[in-house]
N, C-alpha and C. Protein backbone atom coordinates (compact mmCIF):
# COMPACT_ATOMS: atom_id res chain seq x y z
N MET A 1 139.43 -0.90 217.36
CA MET A 1 139.78 -1.32 219.04
C MET A 1 139.19 -3.22 219.08
N SER A 2 139.62 -3.89 219.66
CA SER A 2 140.09 -5.45 219.74
C SER A 2 138.77 -5.64 220.08
N ALA A 3 138.32 -6.68 220.12
CA ALA A 3 137.31 -7.65 221.04
C ALA A 3 137.55 -7.12 222.18
N ARG A 4 138.98 -7.80 222.49
CA ARG A 4 138.93 -7.45 224.27
C ARG A 4 139.14 -5.68 224.48
N GLN A 5 139.46 -4.97 223.88
CA GLN A 5 139.41 -3.79 224.50
C GLN A 5 137.40 -3.21 224.92
N ARG A 6 136.73 -3.85 223.69
CA ARG A 6 135.37 -3.78 223.90
C ARG A 6 135.01 -4.78 225.17
N GLN A 7 135.59 -5.53 225.58
CA GLN A 7 135.36 -6.21 226.40
C GLN A 7 135.42 -5.60 227.65
N VAL A 8 136.36 -5.36 228.08
CA VAL A 8 136.84 -4.03 229.03
C VAL A 8 136.66 -2.84 229.23
N LYS A 9 136.11 -2.57 228.12
CA LYS A 9 135.22 -0.95 227.85
C LYS A 9 133.83 -1.77 228.29
N ALA A 10 133.49 -2.64 227.89
CA ALA A 10 132.10 -2.77 228.44
C ALA A 10 132.05 -3.47 230.46
N VAL A 11 133.24 -3.90 230.27
CA VAL A 11 133.05 -4.29 232.20
C VAL A 11 133.01 -2.77 232.90
N PHE A 12 133.71 -2.04 232.48
CA PHE A 12 134.08 -0.53 232.95
C PHE A 12 132.91 0.40 233.05
N ARG A 13 131.70 -0.03 232.00
CA ARG A 13 131.08 0.98 231.53
C ARG A 13 129.58 -0.24 232.58
N THR A 14 129.67 -1.10 233.01
CA THR A 14 128.44 -2.32 233.39
C THR A 14 129.09 -1.69 235.04
N LEU A 15 130.48 -1.67 235.35
CA LEU A 15 130.46 -1.24 236.66
C LEU A 15 129.94 0.27 236.92
N LEU A 16 130.16 1.46 236.06
CA LEU A 16 130.05 2.77 236.44
C LEU A 16 128.62 2.64 236.47
N GLY A 17 127.73 2.29 235.46
CA GLY A 17 126.24 2.02 235.43
C GLY A 17 125.59 1.90 237.02
N VAL A 18 126.29 0.57 236.73
CA VAL A 18 125.56 -0.22 238.45
C VAL A 18 125.85 1.01 239.72
N LEU A 19 126.87 1.40 239.39
CA LEU A 19 127.21 2.28 240.78
C LEU A 19 126.69 3.83 240.77
N MET A 20 126.43 4.32 239.81
CA MET A 20 125.56 5.66 240.02
C MET A 20 124.05 5.13 239.89
N VAL A 21 123.92 3.73 239.95
CA VAL A 21 122.10 3.65 240.14
C VAL A 21 122.14 3.19 241.62
N LEU A 22 123.43 2.75 242.28
CA LEU A 22 123.25 2.42 244.05
C LEU A 22 123.92 4.12 244.05
N ALA A 23 124.20 4.47 243.62
CA ALA A 23 124.77 6.31 244.18
C ALA A 23 123.18 6.80 244.55
N GLY A 24 122.73 6.37 243.35
CA GLY A 24 121.08 7.51 242.94
C GLY A 24 120.37 6.84 244.42
N ALA A 25 120.73 5.53 244.23
CA ALA A 25 119.57 5.17 245.27
C ALA A 25 119.66 5.61 247.05
N MET A 26 120.91 5.62 247.11
CA MET A 26 121.43 6.07 248.46
C MET A 26 120.35 7.59 248.99
N HIS A 27 120.85 8.12 247.64
CA HIS A 27 119.80 9.60 247.85
C HIS A 27 118.65 9.65 248.40
N PHE A 28 117.73 8.14 248.12
CA PHE A 28 116.45 8.12 248.90
C PHE A 28 116.95 7.57 250.11
N LEU A 29 117.53 6.37 250.03
CA LEU A 29 117.61 5.34 251.54
C LEU A 29 118.24 6.24 252.85
N ASN A 30 119.49 7.23 252.09
CA ASN A 30 120.21 8.04 253.07
C ASN A 30 119.86 9.93 252.95
N PRO A 31 119.20 10.20 252.63
CA PRO A 31 119.33 11.22 252.45
C PRO A 31 120.14 12.51 253.09
N GLU A 32 119.50 11.94 254.81
CA GLU A 32 120.52 12.56 255.71
C GLU A 32 122.43 12.67 255.07
N LEU A 33 122.93 11.93 254.49
CA LEU A 33 124.13 12.02 254.12
C LEU A 33 124.22 13.28 252.93
N TYR A 34 123.70 13.28 252.27
CA TYR A 34 123.53 13.69 250.94
C TYR A 34 123.25 15.41 251.55
N LEU A 35 122.27 15.69 252.36
CA LEU A 35 121.86 16.96 253.01
C LEU A 35 122.72 17.69 253.29
N ALA A 36 123.64 16.91 254.29
CA ALA A 36 124.96 17.42 255.01
C ALA A 36 125.97 17.83 254.61
N MET A 37 126.05 17.19 253.09
CA MET A 37 127.03 17.90 252.28
C MET A 37 126.81 19.22 251.44
N MET A 38 125.28 19.40 251.01
CA MET A 38 124.81 20.69 250.77
C MET A 38 125.69 21.79 251.27
N PRO A 39 126.40 23.02 249.99
CA PRO A 39 126.67 24.03 250.66
C PRO A 39 125.36 24.81 251.22
N ASP A 40 125.91 25.96 252.58
CA ASP A 40 125.07 26.55 252.77
C ASP A 40 124.05 27.66 251.92
N TYR A 41 125.26 28.22 250.59
CA TYR A 41 124.10 28.79 249.74
C TYR A 41 123.70 28.26 248.35
N LEU A 42 123.08 27.36 248.50
CA LEU A 42 122.73 26.72 247.26
C LEU A 42 121.19 26.18 248.36
N PRO A 43 119.93 26.96 247.62
CA PRO A 43 118.65 26.46 247.99
C PRO A 43 118.01 24.93 248.00
N LEU A 44 116.53 24.69 248.16
CA LEU A 44 116.21 24.18 247.89
C LEU A 44 117.16 22.62 248.32
N HIS A 45 117.97 22.43 249.09
CA HIS A 45 118.90 21.24 249.49
C HIS A 45 118.11 20.11 249.41
N ALA A 46 116.19 19.38 250.53
CA ALA A 46 115.83 18.06 249.72
C ALA A 46 115.67 17.93 248.27
N ALA A 47 115.35 18.57 247.71
CA ALA A 47 115.39 18.65 246.12
C ALA A 47 116.33 18.43 245.43
N ALA A 48 116.87 18.86 245.59
CA ALA A 48 118.46 18.62 244.94
C ALA A 48 118.91 17.97 245.74
N VAL A 49 119.05 17.24 246.53
CA VAL A 49 119.31 15.58 246.91
C VAL A 49 118.39 14.75 246.10
N TYR A 50 117.01 15.07 246.43
CA TYR A 50 116.19 13.74 245.19
C TYR A 50 116.69 13.64 243.42
N VAL A 51 116.34 15.36 243.55
CA VAL A 51 116.58 15.09 241.86
C VAL A 51 118.01 14.55 241.27
N SER A 52 118.79 14.75 242.18
CA SER A 52 120.38 14.40 241.46
C SER A 52 120.15 13.02 241.82
N GLY A 53 119.57 12.43 242.95
CA GLY A 53 119.58 10.21 243.09
C GLY A 53 118.66 10.49 241.74
N VAL A 54 117.85 10.95 241.21
CA VAL A 54 117.22 10.71 240.27
C VAL A 54 117.66 10.50 238.84
N VAL A 55 118.72 11.65 238.74
CA VAL A 55 119.57 11.91 237.94
C VAL A 55 120.30 10.77 237.62
N GLU A 56 121.16 10.94 238.93
CA GLU A 56 121.61 9.54 239.24
C GLU A 56 121.34 7.97 238.39
N ILE A 57 120.24 8.20 238.73
CA ILE A 57 119.49 6.61 238.72
C ILE A 57 119.52 6.43 237.04
N ALA A 58 119.10 7.80 236.76
CA ALA A 58 118.50 7.77 235.04
C ALA A 58 120.13 7.80 234.18
N LEU A 59 120.60 8.25 234.83
CA LEU A 59 122.14 8.23 233.35
C LEU A 59 122.31 6.73 233.97
N GLY A 60 122.88 6.44 235.12
CA GLY A 60 123.37 4.83 235.00
C GLY A 60 122.66 3.60 234.10
N ILE A 61 121.18 4.14 234.22
CA ILE A 61 120.53 3.09 232.86
C ILE A 61 120.89 3.51 231.92
N ALA A 62 120.80 4.41 231.85
CA ALA A 62 120.65 4.50 230.50
C ALA A 62 122.34 4.46 230.09
N LEU A 63 123.22 4.28 231.06
CA LEU A 63 125.01 3.74 229.99
C LEU A 63 124.54 2.51 229.29
N PHE A 64 123.86 1.72 229.94
CA PHE A 64 123.53 0.26 229.45
C PHE A 64 122.52 0.28 227.83
N VAL A 65 121.82 1.48 227.96
CA VAL A 65 120.92 1.52 226.26
C VAL A 65 122.02 2.12 225.11
N PRO A 66 122.39 1.02 224.25
CA PRO A 66 123.27 1.84 223.17
C PRO A 66 122.94 3.24 222.89
N LYS A 67 122.03 3.37 222.37
CA LYS A 67 121.32 4.84 221.82
C LYS A 67 121.53 5.53 222.67
N THR A 68 121.07 5.62 223.85
CA THR A 68 121.67 6.51 224.77
C THR A 68 122.90 7.03 226.21
N ARG A 69 123.43 5.86 224.92
CA ARG A 69 125.06 6.23 225.88
C ARG A 69 125.56 7.25 226.15
N ALA A 70 125.71 7.25 224.75
CA ALA A 70 127.18 8.91 224.54
C ALA A 70 126.45 9.70 225.10
N LEU A 71 124.76 10.05 225.13
CA LEU A 71 123.89 10.97 225.81
C LEU A 71 124.66 11.18 227.27
N ALA A 72 124.36 9.66 227.54
CA ALA A 72 124.33 9.73 229.28
C ALA A 72 125.44 9.42 229.73
N GLY A 73 127.25 9.88 228.92
CA GLY A 73 128.23 10.02 229.11
C GLY A 73 128.28 11.34 229.42
N TRP A 74 127.97 12.27 228.30
CA TRP A 74 128.27 13.72 228.59
C TRP A 74 127.03 14.00 229.79
N GLY A 75 126.10 13.31 230.26
CA GLY A 75 125.02 13.60 231.21
C GLY A 75 125.61 13.74 232.75
N LEU A 76 126.68 12.56 232.56
CA LEU A 76 127.39 12.27 233.91
C LEU A 76 128.89 13.16 234.46
N ILE A 77 129.36 13.70 233.12
CA ILE A 77 130.19 14.82 233.25
C ILE A 77 129.57 15.91 233.82
N ALA A 78 128.42 16.22 233.51
CA ALA A 78 127.51 17.56 233.49
C ALA A 78 127.45 17.29 235.38
N LEU A 79 126.92 16.14 235.62
CA LEU A 79 126.49 15.94 237.03
C LEU A 79 127.58 16.11 237.79
N TYR A 80 128.75 14.92 237.28
CA TYR A 80 130.12 15.78 238.60
C TYR A 80 130.60 16.54 238.45
N LEU A 81 130.70 17.82 237.48
CA LEU A 81 130.73 18.97 238.02
C LEU A 81 129.22 19.55 238.22
N ALA A 82 128.42 19.26 238.41
CA ALA A 82 127.00 20.19 239.08
C ALA A 82 127.60 19.54 240.59
N VAL A 83 128.22 18.74 241.13
CA VAL A 83 128.32 18.12 242.29
C VAL A 83 129.83 18.80 242.94
N LEU A 84 130.45 19.01 242.13
CA LEU A 84 131.85 19.71 242.47
C LEU A 84 131.26 20.55 243.96
N PRO A 85 130.75 21.64 243.82
CA PRO A 85 130.86 22.25 245.00
C PRO A 85 130.57 21.76 246.09
N ALA A 86 130.00 20.66 246.24
CA ALA A 86 129.22 20.05 247.14
C ALA A 86 130.74 19.91 248.17
N ASN A 87 131.68 18.81 246.89
CA ASN A 87 132.84 18.11 246.94
C ASN A 87 133.53 19.48 247.82
N ILE A 88 134.23 20.36 247.51
CA ILE A 88 134.88 21.33 247.80
C ILE A 88 134.38 22.24 248.75
N TRP A 89 133.12 22.07 249.31
CA TRP A 89 132.63 22.62 250.41
C TRP A 89 133.11 21.84 251.62
N MET A 90 132.92 20.41 251.20
CA MET A 90 133.50 19.57 252.54
C MET A 90 134.65 19.73 252.48
N ALA A 91 135.42 19.97 251.62
CA ALA A 91 136.69 20.50 251.92
C ALA A 91 137.13 21.32 252.68
N THR A 92 137.10 22.48 251.92
CA THR A 92 137.11 23.59 252.52
C THR A 92 136.59 24.03 253.98
N GLU A 93 135.80 23.39 254.28
CA GLU A 93 134.31 23.70 255.68
C GLU A 93 135.04 22.76 256.18
N GLY A 94 135.34 21.58 256.35
CA GLY A 94 135.38 21.01 256.91
C GLY A 94 134.16 19.96 257.07
N VAL A 95 133.24 20.27 256.29
CA VAL A 95 132.10 18.93 256.77
C VAL A 95 131.66 17.41 257.21
N GLN A 96 131.35 16.97 257.91
CA GLN A 96 131.52 15.55 258.26
C GLN A 96 130.08 14.88 257.97
N PRO A 97 129.71 14.83 256.83
CA PRO A 97 128.45 13.71 256.77
C PRO A 97 128.30 12.62 257.63
N PRO A 98 127.39 12.39 258.34
CA PRO A 98 127.46 11.11 259.02
C PRO A 98 126.99 9.90 258.39
N GLY A 99 128.60 9.14 258.92
CA GLY A 99 129.24 8.02 257.98
C GLY A 99 129.61 8.22 256.91
N LEU A 100 130.23 9.80 257.00
CA LEU A 100 131.10 9.22 255.64
C LEU A 100 132.26 10.29 256.41
N GLU A 101 132.77 10.41 257.71
CA GLU A 101 133.68 11.04 258.26
C GLU A 101 135.09 10.74 257.77
N MET A 102 135.44 11.54 257.68
CA MET A 102 136.94 11.74 256.39
C MET A 102 137.86 12.89 257.39
N SER A 103 138.85 12.49 257.34
CA SER A 103 140.33 13.69 257.57
C SER A 103 140.29 14.66 256.61
N PRO A 104 140.65 16.07 256.81
CA PRO A 104 140.87 17.01 256.05
C PRO A 104 141.63 16.36 254.30
N THR A 105 142.50 15.79 254.81
CA THR A 105 143.24 15.37 253.78
C THR A 105 142.62 14.74 252.33
N ALA A 106 141.54 13.48 252.96
CA ALA A 106 140.98 12.67 252.72
C ALA A 106 139.85 14.34 251.87
N ALA A 107 139.09 14.68 252.42
CA ALA A 107 137.93 15.20 251.81
C ALA A 107 139.16 15.62 250.70
N TRP A 108 140.14 16.71 251.07
CA TRP A 108 140.93 17.14 249.76
C TRP A 108 141.09 16.16 248.42
N LEU A 109 141.47 14.91 248.93
CA LEU A 109 141.65 14.02 247.84
C LEU A 109 140.75 13.70 247.24
N ARG A 110 139.56 13.67 247.61
CA ARG A 110 138.01 13.50 246.47
C ARG A 110 137.78 14.10 245.58
N LEU A 111 138.46 15.54 245.59
CA LEU A 111 138.03 16.42 244.65
C LEU A 111 139.13 16.20 243.16
N PRO A 112 139.71 14.97 243.38
CA PRO A 112 140.35 15.29 241.81
C PRO A 112 140.00 13.71 241.41
N ILE A 113 139.13 13.22 242.12
CA ILE A 113 138.39 11.83 242.14
C ILE A 113 137.18 12.15 241.33
N GLN A 114 136.82 13.56 241.57
CA GLN A 114 135.82 13.75 240.30
C GLN A 114 136.40 13.79 238.67
N GLY A 115 137.42 14.45 238.50
CA GLY A 115 138.05 14.56 237.64
C GLY A 115 138.45 12.37 236.98
N VAL A 116 138.71 11.81 237.65
CA VAL A 116 138.71 10.66 237.38
C VAL A 116 137.78 10.06 237.10
N LEU A 117 136.51 10.44 237.55
CA LEU A 117 134.90 10.09 237.35
C LEU A 117 134.19 10.64 235.51
N MET A 118 134.98 11.84 235.85
CA MET A 118 134.43 11.96 234.37
C MET A 118 135.36 11.57 233.34
N PHE A 119 136.56 10.96 233.35
CA PHE A 119 137.22 10.55 232.11
C PHE A 119 136.49 8.88 232.29
N TRP A 120 135.85 8.33 233.05
CA TRP A 120 135.61 6.92 232.83
C TRP A 120 134.19 7.22 232.23
N ALA A 121 133.48 8.29 232.40
CA ALA A 121 132.91 8.34 231.83
C ALA A 121 132.05 8.48 230.32
N TRP A 122 133.41 9.53 229.81
CA TRP A 122 133.30 9.67 228.71
C TRP A 122 134.19 8.65 227.78
N ALA A 123 135.24 7.89 228.60
CA ALA A 123 135.96 6.59 227.99
C ALA A 123 134.95 5.38 227.30
N VAL A 124 133.73 5.46 228.53
CA VAL A 124 133.05 3.86 228.30
C VAL A 124 131.77 4.23 227.60
N SER A 125 131.67 5.81 227.74
CA SER A 125 130.28 6.04 226.92
C SER A 125 130.18 6.12 225.06
N ARG A 126 131.37 6.45 225.22
CA ARG A 126 132.30 6.26 223.57
C ARG A 126 131.97 5.32 222.69
N PRO A 127 131.72 5.86 221.04
CA PRO A 127 131.18 4.84 220.42
C PRO A 127 132.54 4.02 220.12
N ASN A 128 132.60 2.42 219.52
CA ASN A 128 133.60 1.80 219.09
C ASN A 128 133.95 2.08 217.73
N ALA A 129 135.25 3.21 217.38
CA ALA A 129 135.09 3.32 216.46
C ALA A 129 135.44 2.49 215.07
N ASP A 130 135.82 1.17 215.78
CA ASP A 130 135.58 -0.04 214.25
C ASP A 130 134.10 -0.51 213.96
N ALA A 131 133.48 -0.57 215.11
CA ALA A 131 131.72 -0.95 215.08
C ALA A 131 131.40 0.13 214.53
N GLU A 132 131.59 1.42 214.22
CA GLU A 132 131.05 1.81 213.33
C GLU A 132 131.39 2.12 211.95
N ALA A 133 132.33 1.76 211.84
CA ALA A 133 133.39 1.61 210.06
C ALA A 133 132.58 0.11 209.95
N THR A 134 132.21 -0.65 210.26
CA THR A 134 132.03 -1.52 209.99
C THR A 134 130.34 -2.60 209.98
N SER A 135 129.57 -1.00 210.16
CA SER A 135 128.64 -0.93 210.67
C SER A 135 127.41 -1.31 209.09
N PRO A 136 126.73 -1.68 208.98
CA PRO A 136 125.96 -2.10 207.39
C PRO A 136 125.63 -0.36 207.14
N ASP A 137 125.33 0.46 207.94
CA ASP A 137 124.66 1.63 207.50
C ASP A 137 125.69 2.59 206.71
N SER A 138 127.24 2.10 207.20
CA SER A 138 128.58 2.98 207.30
C SER A 138 128.78 2.23 205.07
N GLU A 139 128.59 1.30 204.68
CA GLU A 139 128.19 0.84 203.38
C GLU A 139 128.12 1.92 202.68
């Protein structure tokens, strides 16, 4: 990986980390938004909203720490899979959270964004191959 590629990767990792911390903070600043997204069939809505907020913040921060970065990437992928039912619920049931009202088309278009987020988390959390090859430990 070239220095330029590492730089671009670092920018995208920083962007994702900051977005996750901000998204997690929103679970505490505006829990009504997330409570409205919770499928009826899931229990403990408030607890799930707050726990997922803590997890988002923790994983966002973990992206900045080299020793926890790879685990954070896999954790984010798991998180995006875990919130997929809420996004499907919004699309199939026409749920309109306060402040996040959208057309049915937009609700359905949100679903593939989960895949984009998963790829983003994976791409920015992978170790740099040439950094490992040139590390003192590899000699």
